[in-house]
Amino acid sequence: MKQNRTNNNKYIFLIFLAIYFLATGGIFVKLSPLPPINTGFYCVLFSIPMLTPFLKKSELQALIRKQIATIILAGAFLARDLTLWNSSFSYTSVANANLLVNLNPFTVIPVSYFLFKEKMMPKFLFGGLITLIGVLVLMTNKVSMSPDRLLGDSLSLGSSIFYAMFMITVYKLRDSVTSTIIMFISAFGTLLVLATVIFFTEGFYVPQNFGELWPLLALALVSQILGQGLLAYCLGKANACLSSLITLSQPVVAALYAWVIFNESFNLQTIIAILITLTGVYLAKTQTSTNIAQEKA
C-alpha cells in the first residue's frame, strides 16, 4: 500500500511538471519573431529528431497501413489546431488563448456519444453550464472588446475543436500504438498540412540567426517533447480524475507566465473567471473519465 501511494505521488508530481512545460507553449509562440504558422511548423519539424532516439524499430515495423493512415490523420487535426491557436496569440492574450483552447471536452463528449456510444450524464451538462458562465465572466472583463480580441478568442475556440478531434483519433490508437510512435508519425501529417497552409498564407520563413532559432527549439523541446511526452508517460499511471484536475491548471500557469513575462493584466475578475471555467471543465472531464472507466471495466 505504501509503495503504491509513493508511486502515485511520483506520477502526480510528474504531471504537475508536465503542465509547467506545456504552459510555456504560448510564451514561446509570442517570443518567436517568425509568423505564427511558421513557428508551429518548425516546432513540429525540430521535434522529429528529438523523438528519433526513443523509437523502437520493432514497433514501427509492426504498424499496419490503417494505423499509419489514422496517425497521419491525427497529425492533420493537430496542424489545424496549431494554425488557429498560434495565430490567436497575435490578437488575444496568452491567458485567454490557453483558457479557451481547453474547452475541447465540449467537442469530445458529443462526438464520443455518437462514435463510442458514451452517455452525456447530468453532471457533464452541469459542468458545461458552469463553464459557459465562466466564459461569460471572462468576456465581460473585456468591456472594450475590439474586433481583434474577438477574432483571437474565436481562433482559440476553433483550435479547441481540432485538438479535440486529435484527442479522439489518438484515443482509438492508444491500445495498440505507443505515444512516442503516435507523436513521431503524426508529425509528418502535421508538417504536410502546415506547409500547405503556409504556402497559401504566410510564405516560408527560414530562421536567420540564433535569436530567431532559439524560441523554436525551446518550443519543440520544452512544450512538445517534455510537456506532451511527460504527460503521455504519466497518463494511466495516476488517478484519471486527479490527472484531469491537474492538467486543467495549465491556463492558470500560462496566465501567471504571461503576467510575469508580458505584464498582461491579471485582475480579480480574471482570476474568478478562470476558476469558474476550470471548475466547470473539471466536472465535465470527471464525468468523461468516469464513463471511460466504466466502459473499460
Protein backbone atom coordinates (compact mmCIF):
# COMPACT_ATOMS: atom_id res chain seq x y z
CA MET A 1 0.00 0.00 0.00
CA LYS A 2 2.81 2.40 0.94
CA GLN A 3 4.65 1.59 -2.30
CA ASN A 4 1.52 2.29 -4.37
CA ARG A 5 1.00 5.60 -2.57
CA THR A 6 4.64 6.56 -3.23
CA ASN A 7 4.38 5.68 -6.91
CA ASN A 8 1.11 7.61 -7.22
CA ASN A 9 2.68 10.69 -5.64
CA LYS A 10 5.58 10.43 -8.07
CA TYR A 11 3.27 10.47 -11.10
CA ILE A 12 1.23 13.33 -9.65
CA PHE A 13 4.43 15.35 -9.29
CA LEU A 14 5.45 14.50 -12.88
CA ILE A 15 2.04 15.58 -14.21
CA PHE A 16 2.42 18.93 -12.47
CA LEU A 17 5.87 19.20 -14.03
CA ALA A 18 4.44 18.39 -17.47
CA ILE A 19 1.83 21.14 -17.08
CA TYR A 20 4.53 23.70 -16.32
CA PHE A 21 6.30 22.63 -19.54
CA LEU A 22 3.10 22.69 -21.63
CA ALA A 23 2.09 26.10 -20.35
CA THR A 24 5.22 27.62 -21.90
CA GLY A 25 3.85 26.97 -25.39
CA GLY A 26 2.06 30.30 -25.72
CA ILE A 27 5.05 32.13 -24.29
CA PHE A 28 7.48 30.81 -26.90
CA VAL A 29 4.97 31.45 -29.70
CA LYS A 30 4.78 35.09 -28.62
CA LEU A 31 8.56 35.33 -28.29
CA SER A 32 9.15 33.87 -31.75
CA PRO A 33 9.82 36.58 -34.37
CA LEU A 34 8.57 34.25 -37.11
CA PRO A 35 4.91 34.28 -38.20
CA PRO A 36 2.70 32.03 -36.04
CA ILE A 37 2.10 29.20 -38.51
CA ASN A 38 5.79 29.09 -39.45
CA THR A 39 6.53 28.89 -35.72
CA GLY A 40 4.25 25.84 -35.40
CA PHE A 41 5.87 24.26 -38.45
CA TYR A 42 9.39 24.49 -37.03
CA CYS A 43 8.22 23.33 -33.60
CA VAL A 44 6.97 20.08 -35.11
CA LEU A 45 9.91 19.78 -37.51
CA PHE A 46 12.51 20.12 -34.75
CA SER A 47 10.64 17.63 -32.55
CA ILE A 48 11.22 14.80 -35.04
CA PRO A 49 14.99 14.37 -34.47
CA MET A 50 14.39 14.80 -30.75
CA LEU A 51 11.93 11.88 -30.77
CA THR A 52 14.02 9.60 -33.01
CA PRO A 53 16.32 8.19 -30.27
CA PHE A 54 13.27 6.93 -28.35
CA LEU A 55 11.75 4.97 -31.25
CA LYS A 56 11.83 1.20 -31.38
CA LYS A 57 12.28 -0.31 -34.83
CA SER A 58 10.17 -3.35 -33.96
CA GLU A 59 7.19 -1.13 -33.02
CA LEU A 60 7.45 0.79 -36.28
CA GLN A 61 7.59 -2.41 -38.31
CA ALA A 62 4.54 -3.80 -36.51
CA LEU A 63 2.30 -0.96 -37.72
CA ILE A 64 -0.27 -1.71 -40.41
CA ARG A 65 -1.33 0.73 -43.13
CA LYS A 66 -4.63 1.59 -41.45
CA GLN A 67 -2.83 2.57 -38.25
CA ILE A 68 -0.34 4.73 -40.15
CA ALA A 69 -3.14 6.47 -42.05
CA THR A 70 -5.03 7.13 -38.81
CA ILE A 71 -1.93 8.55 -37.12
CA ILE A 72 -1.34 10.87 -40.08
CA LEU A 73 -4.97 11.98 -39.86
CA ALA A 74 -4.37 12.79 -36.19
CA GLY A 75 -1.42 14.91 -37.30
CA ALA A 76 -3.65 16.78 -39.74
CA PHE A 77 -6.07 17.64 -36.93
CA LEU A 78 -3.15 18.81 -34.79
CA ALA A 79 -1.96 21.01 -37.66
CA ARG A 80 -5.29 22.83 -37.79
CA ASP A 81 -5.15 23.23 -34.01
CA LEU A 82 -1.65 24.76 -34.21
CA THR A 83 -2.66 27.00 -37.12
CA LEU A 84 -5.56 28.56 -35.23
CA TRP A 85 -4.04 28.56 -31.75
CA ASN A 86 -0.66 30.04 -32.73
CA SER A 87 -2.44 32.69 -34.81
CA SER A 88 -4.68 33.63 -31.88
CA PHE A 89 -1.72 34.99 -29.88
CA SER A 90 -1.43 37.86 -32.36
CA TYR A 91 -4.89 39.09 -31.33
CA THR A 92 -5.66 37.95 -27.78
CA SER A 93 -3.85 37.36 -24.50
CA VAL A 94 -1.91 34.24 -23.56
CA ALA A 95 -4.34 33.67 -20.67
CA ASN A 96 -7.43 33.83 -22.91
CA ALA A 97 -5.88 31.61 -25.59
CA ASN A 98 -4.91 28.94 -23.05
CA LEU A 99 -8.27 29.12 -21.31
CA LEU A 100 -10.45 28.83 -24.40
CA VAL A 101 -8.42 26.07 -26.07
CA ASN A 102 -9.13 23.91 -23.01
CA LEU A 103 -12.83 23.78 -23.88
CA ASN A 104 -12.16 20.69 -26.02
CA PRO A 105 -14.36 18.42 -23.82
CA PHE A 106 -17.41 20.03 -25.40
CA THR A 107 -16.35 18.58 -28.72
CA VAL A 108 -15.01 15.29 -27.36
CA ILE A 109 -18.19 14.40 -25.47
CA PRO A 110 -20.77 14.84 -28.30
CA VAL A 111 -18.53 13.09 -30.83
CA SER A 112 -17.84 10.27 -28.38
CA TYR A 113 -21.58 9.95 -27.80
CA PHE A 114 -22.18 9.17 -31.47
CA LEU A 115 -18.98 7.23 -32.21
CA PHE A 116 -18.41 5.33 -28.95
CA LYS A 117 -21.98 5.41 -27.52
CA GLU A 118 -20.78 7.18 -24.39
CA LYS A 119 -23.58 8.87 -22.47
CA MET A 120 -23.81 12.54 -21.54
CA MET A 121 -24.76 12.47 -17.88
CA PRO A 122 -26.36 15.34 -15.88
CA LYS A 123 -23.02 16.01 -14.18
CA PHE A 124 -21.46 16.78 -17.54
CA LEU A 125 -24.31 19.12 -18.51
CA PHE A 126 -23.98 20.88 -15.15
CA GLY A 127 -20.25 21.25 -15.73
CA GLY A 128 -20.95 22.67 -19.17
CA LEU A 129 -23.30 25.29 -17.70
CA ILE A 130 -20.70 26.36 -15.13
CA THR A 131 -18.06 26.58 -17.87
CA LEU A 132 -20.28 28.81 -20.02
CA ILE A 133 -20.81 31.09 -17.02
CA GLY A 134 -17.04 31.28 -16.54
CA VAL A 135 -16.51 32.20 -20.20
CA LEU A 136 -19.18 34.91 -19.92
CA VAL A 137 -17.46 36.35 -16.85
CA LEU A 138 -14.17 36.31 -18.76
CA MET A 139 -15.71 38.07 -21.75
CA THR A 140 -17.41 40.76 -19.64
CA ASN A 141 -13.96 41.56 -18.28
CA LYS A 142 -13.12 42.76 -21.79
CA VAL A 143 -15.62 45.61 -21.91
CA SER A 144 -13.56 47.37 -24.58
CA MET A 145 -13.76 44.27 -26.76
CA SER A 146 -12.10 45.04 -30.07
CA PRO A 147 -12.59 43.11 -33.30
CA ASP A 148 -9.02 41.84 -32.95
CA ARG A 149 -9.63 40.47 -29.43
CA LEU A 150 -12.85 38.82 -30.59
CA LEU A 151 -11.00 37.27 -33.53
CA GLY A 152 -8.24 35.96 -31.27
CA ASP A 153 -10.71 34.38 -28.85
CA SER A 154 -12.64 32.84 -31.76
CA LEU A 155 -9.44 31.33 -33.16
CA SER A 156 -8.68 29.82 -29.74
CA LEU A 157 -12.16 28.31 -29.55
CA GLY A 158 -11.78 26.90 -33.05
CA SER A 159 -8.43 25.36 -32.15
CA SER A 160 -10.07 23.54 -29.23
CA ILE A 161 -12.34 21.71 -31.69
CA PHE A 162 -9.45 20.46 -33.81
CA TYR A 163 -7.44 19.49 -30.74
CA ALA A 164 -10.46 17.54 -29.55
CA MET A 165 -10.56 15.69 -32.87
CA PHE A 166 -6.86 14.94 -32.45
CA MET A 167 -7.55 13.52 -28.99
CA ILE A 168 -10.43 11.37 -30.24
CA THR A 169 -8.33 9.97 -33.06
CA VAL A 170 -5.42 9.20 -30.76
CA TYR A 171 -7.82 7.62 -28.26
CA LYS A 172 -8.62 4.93 -30.82
CA LEU A 173 -4.92 4.20 -31.33
CA ARG A 174 -3.57 4.12 -27.78
CA ASP A 175 -4.50 0.48 -27.07
CA SER A 176 -2.15 -0.75 -29.79
CA VAL A 177 0.32 2.08 -30.51
CA THR A 178 2.71 3.84 -28.10
CA SER A 179 2.52 7.58 -27.58
CA THR A 180 6.07 8.03 -28.93
CA ILE A 181 5.16 6.34 -32.22
CA ILE A 182 2.00 8.44 -32.49
CA MET A 183 3.88 11.69 -31.85
CA PHE A 184 6.59 10.78 -34.35
CA ILE A 185 4.43 9.67 -37.30
CA SER A 186 1.70 12.26 -36.73
CA ALA A 187 4.39 14.94 -37.02
CA PHE A 188 4.67 14.20 -40.75
CA GLY A 189 0.92 14.65 -41.24
CA THR A 190 1.11 17.88 -39.26
CA LEU A 191 4.02 19.18 -41.34
CA LEU A 192 2.23 18.41 -44.63
CA VAL A 193 -0.86 20.42 -43.66
CA LEU A 194 1.12 23.28 -42.12
CA ALA A 195 3.34 23.53 -45.19
CA THR A 196 0.25 23.77 -47.42
CA VAL A 197 -1.29 26.49 -45.25
CA ILE A 198 1.98 28.42 -45.12
CA PHE A 199 2.33 28.28 -48.93
CA PHE A 200 -1.04 29.99 -49.39
CA THR A 201 -0.82 32.44 -46.45
CA GLU A 202 2.41 33.50 -44.72
CA GLY A 203 5.02 32.19 -47.11
CA PHE A 204 8.02 30.24 -45.84
CA TYR A 205 10.44 31.90 -43.45
CA VAL A 206 13.85 30.49 -42.53
CA PRO A 207 15.42 31.37 -39.16
CA GLN A 208 18.36 33.65 -39.90
CA ASN A 209 20.10 33.79 -36.55
CA PHE A 210 20.11 32.32 -33.06
CA GLY A 211 17.65 34.96 -31.87
CA GLU A 212 15.08 33.60 -34.31
CA LEU A 213 16.05 29.97 -33.80
CA TRP A 214 16.07 29.56 -30.02
CA PRO A 215 12.29 30.09 -29.39
CA LEU A 216 11.57 27.38 -31.98
CA LEU A 217 13.98 24.92 -30.40
CA ALA A 218 12.63 25.74 -26.94
CA LEU A 219 9.06 25.24 -28.15
CA ALA A 220 9.93 21.85 -29.62
CA LEU A 221 11.92 20.66 -26.61
CA VAL A 222 10.02 22.13 -23.66
CA SER A 223 6.41 22.14 -24.83
CA GLN A 224 6.28 19.37 -27.43
CA ILE A 225 8.78 16.82 -26.08
CA LEU A 226 8.99 17.43 -22.33
CA GLY A 227 5.41 18.61 -21.89
CA GLN A 228 3.45 16.30 -24.18
CA GLY A 229 5.88 13.43 -23.77
CA LEU A 230 5.93 13.55 -19.97
CA LEU A 231 2.15 13.87 -19.79
CA ALA A 232 1.71 10.90 -22.13
CA TYR A 233 4.06 8.88 -19.93
CA CYS A 234 2.05 9.68 -16.78
CA LEU A 235 -1.49 9.26 -18.08
CA GLY A 236 -2.96 6.00 -16.85
CA LYS A 237 -0.43 5.82 -14.01
CA ALA A 238 -2.19 8.27 -11.68
CA ASN A 239 -5.91 8.50 -10.95
CA ALA A 240 -7.76 9.66 -14.09
CA CYS A 241 -9.94 12.24 -12.32
CA LEU A 242 -6.99 13.68 -10.43
CA SER A 243 -4.94 13.78 -13.64
CA SER A 244 -7.71 15.78 -15.33
CA LEU A 245 -7.82 18.24 -12.44
CA ILE A 246 -4.06 18.78 -12.58
CA THR A 247 -3.95 19.23 -16.37
CA LEU A 248 -6.70 21.84 -16.15
CA SER A 249 -4.31 24.03 -14.19
CA GLN A 250 -2.46 24.80 -17.44
CA PRO A 251 -4.37 28.04 -18.27
CA VAL A 252 -3.68 29.35 -14.77
CA VAL A 253 0.04 28.58 -15.07
CA ALA A 254 0.11 30.16 -18.55
CA ALA A 255 -1.63 33.27 -17.22
CA LEU A 256 0.96 33.55 -14.45
CA TYR A 257 3.74 33.21 -17.01
CA ALA A 258 2.15 35.94 -19.16
CA TRP A 259 1.70 38.19 -16.13
CA VAL A 260 5.40 37.92 -15.26
CA ILE A 261 6.89 37.95 -18.79
CA PHE A 262 4.47 40.11 -20.82
CA ASN A 263 2.92 42.11 -17.96
CA GLU A 264 -0.56 41.02 -19.06
CA SER A 265 -3.37 42.07 -16.74
CA PHE A 266 -4.36 39.54 -14.10
CA ASN A 267 -7.08 41.22 -12.04
CA LEU A 268 -9.57 39.69 -9.61
CA GLN A 269 -12.30 39.25 -12.22
CA THR A 270 -9.92 37.36 -14.50
CA ILE A 271 -8.96 35.07 -11.63
CA ILE A 272 -12.62 34.43 -10.75
CA ALA A 273 -13.45 33.72 -14.41
CA ILE A 274 -10.59 31.23 -14.72
CA LEU A 275 -11.58 29.46 -11.50
CA ILE A 276 -15.24 29.18 -12.55
CA THR A 277 -14.34 27.90 -16.01
CA LEU A 278 -11.81 25.38 -14.73
CA THR A 279 -14.37 24.11 -12.20
CA GLY A 280 -16.92 23.54 -14.95
CA VAL A 281 -14.47 21.83 -17.29
CA TYR A 282 -13.22 19.69 -14.42
CA LEU A 283 -16.76 18.49 -13.66
CA ALA A 284 -17.29 17.69 -17.34
CA LYS A 285 -13.96 15.88 -17.63
CA THR A 286 -14.57 13.98 -14.40
CA GLN A 287 -17.80 12.63 -15.88
CA THR A 288 -15.94 11.74 -19.07
CA SER A 289 -13.26 9.88 -17.12
CA THR A 290 -15.95 8.02 -15.17
CA ASN A 291 -17.70 6.95 -18.38
CA ILE A 292 -14.47 5.73 -19.95
CA ALA A 293 -13.52 3.83 -16.81
CA GLN A 294 -16.93 2.14 -16.76
CA GLU A 295 -16.59 1.22 -20.43
CA LYS A 296 -13.16 -0.36 -19.84
CA ALA A 297 -14.24 -2.14 -16.63
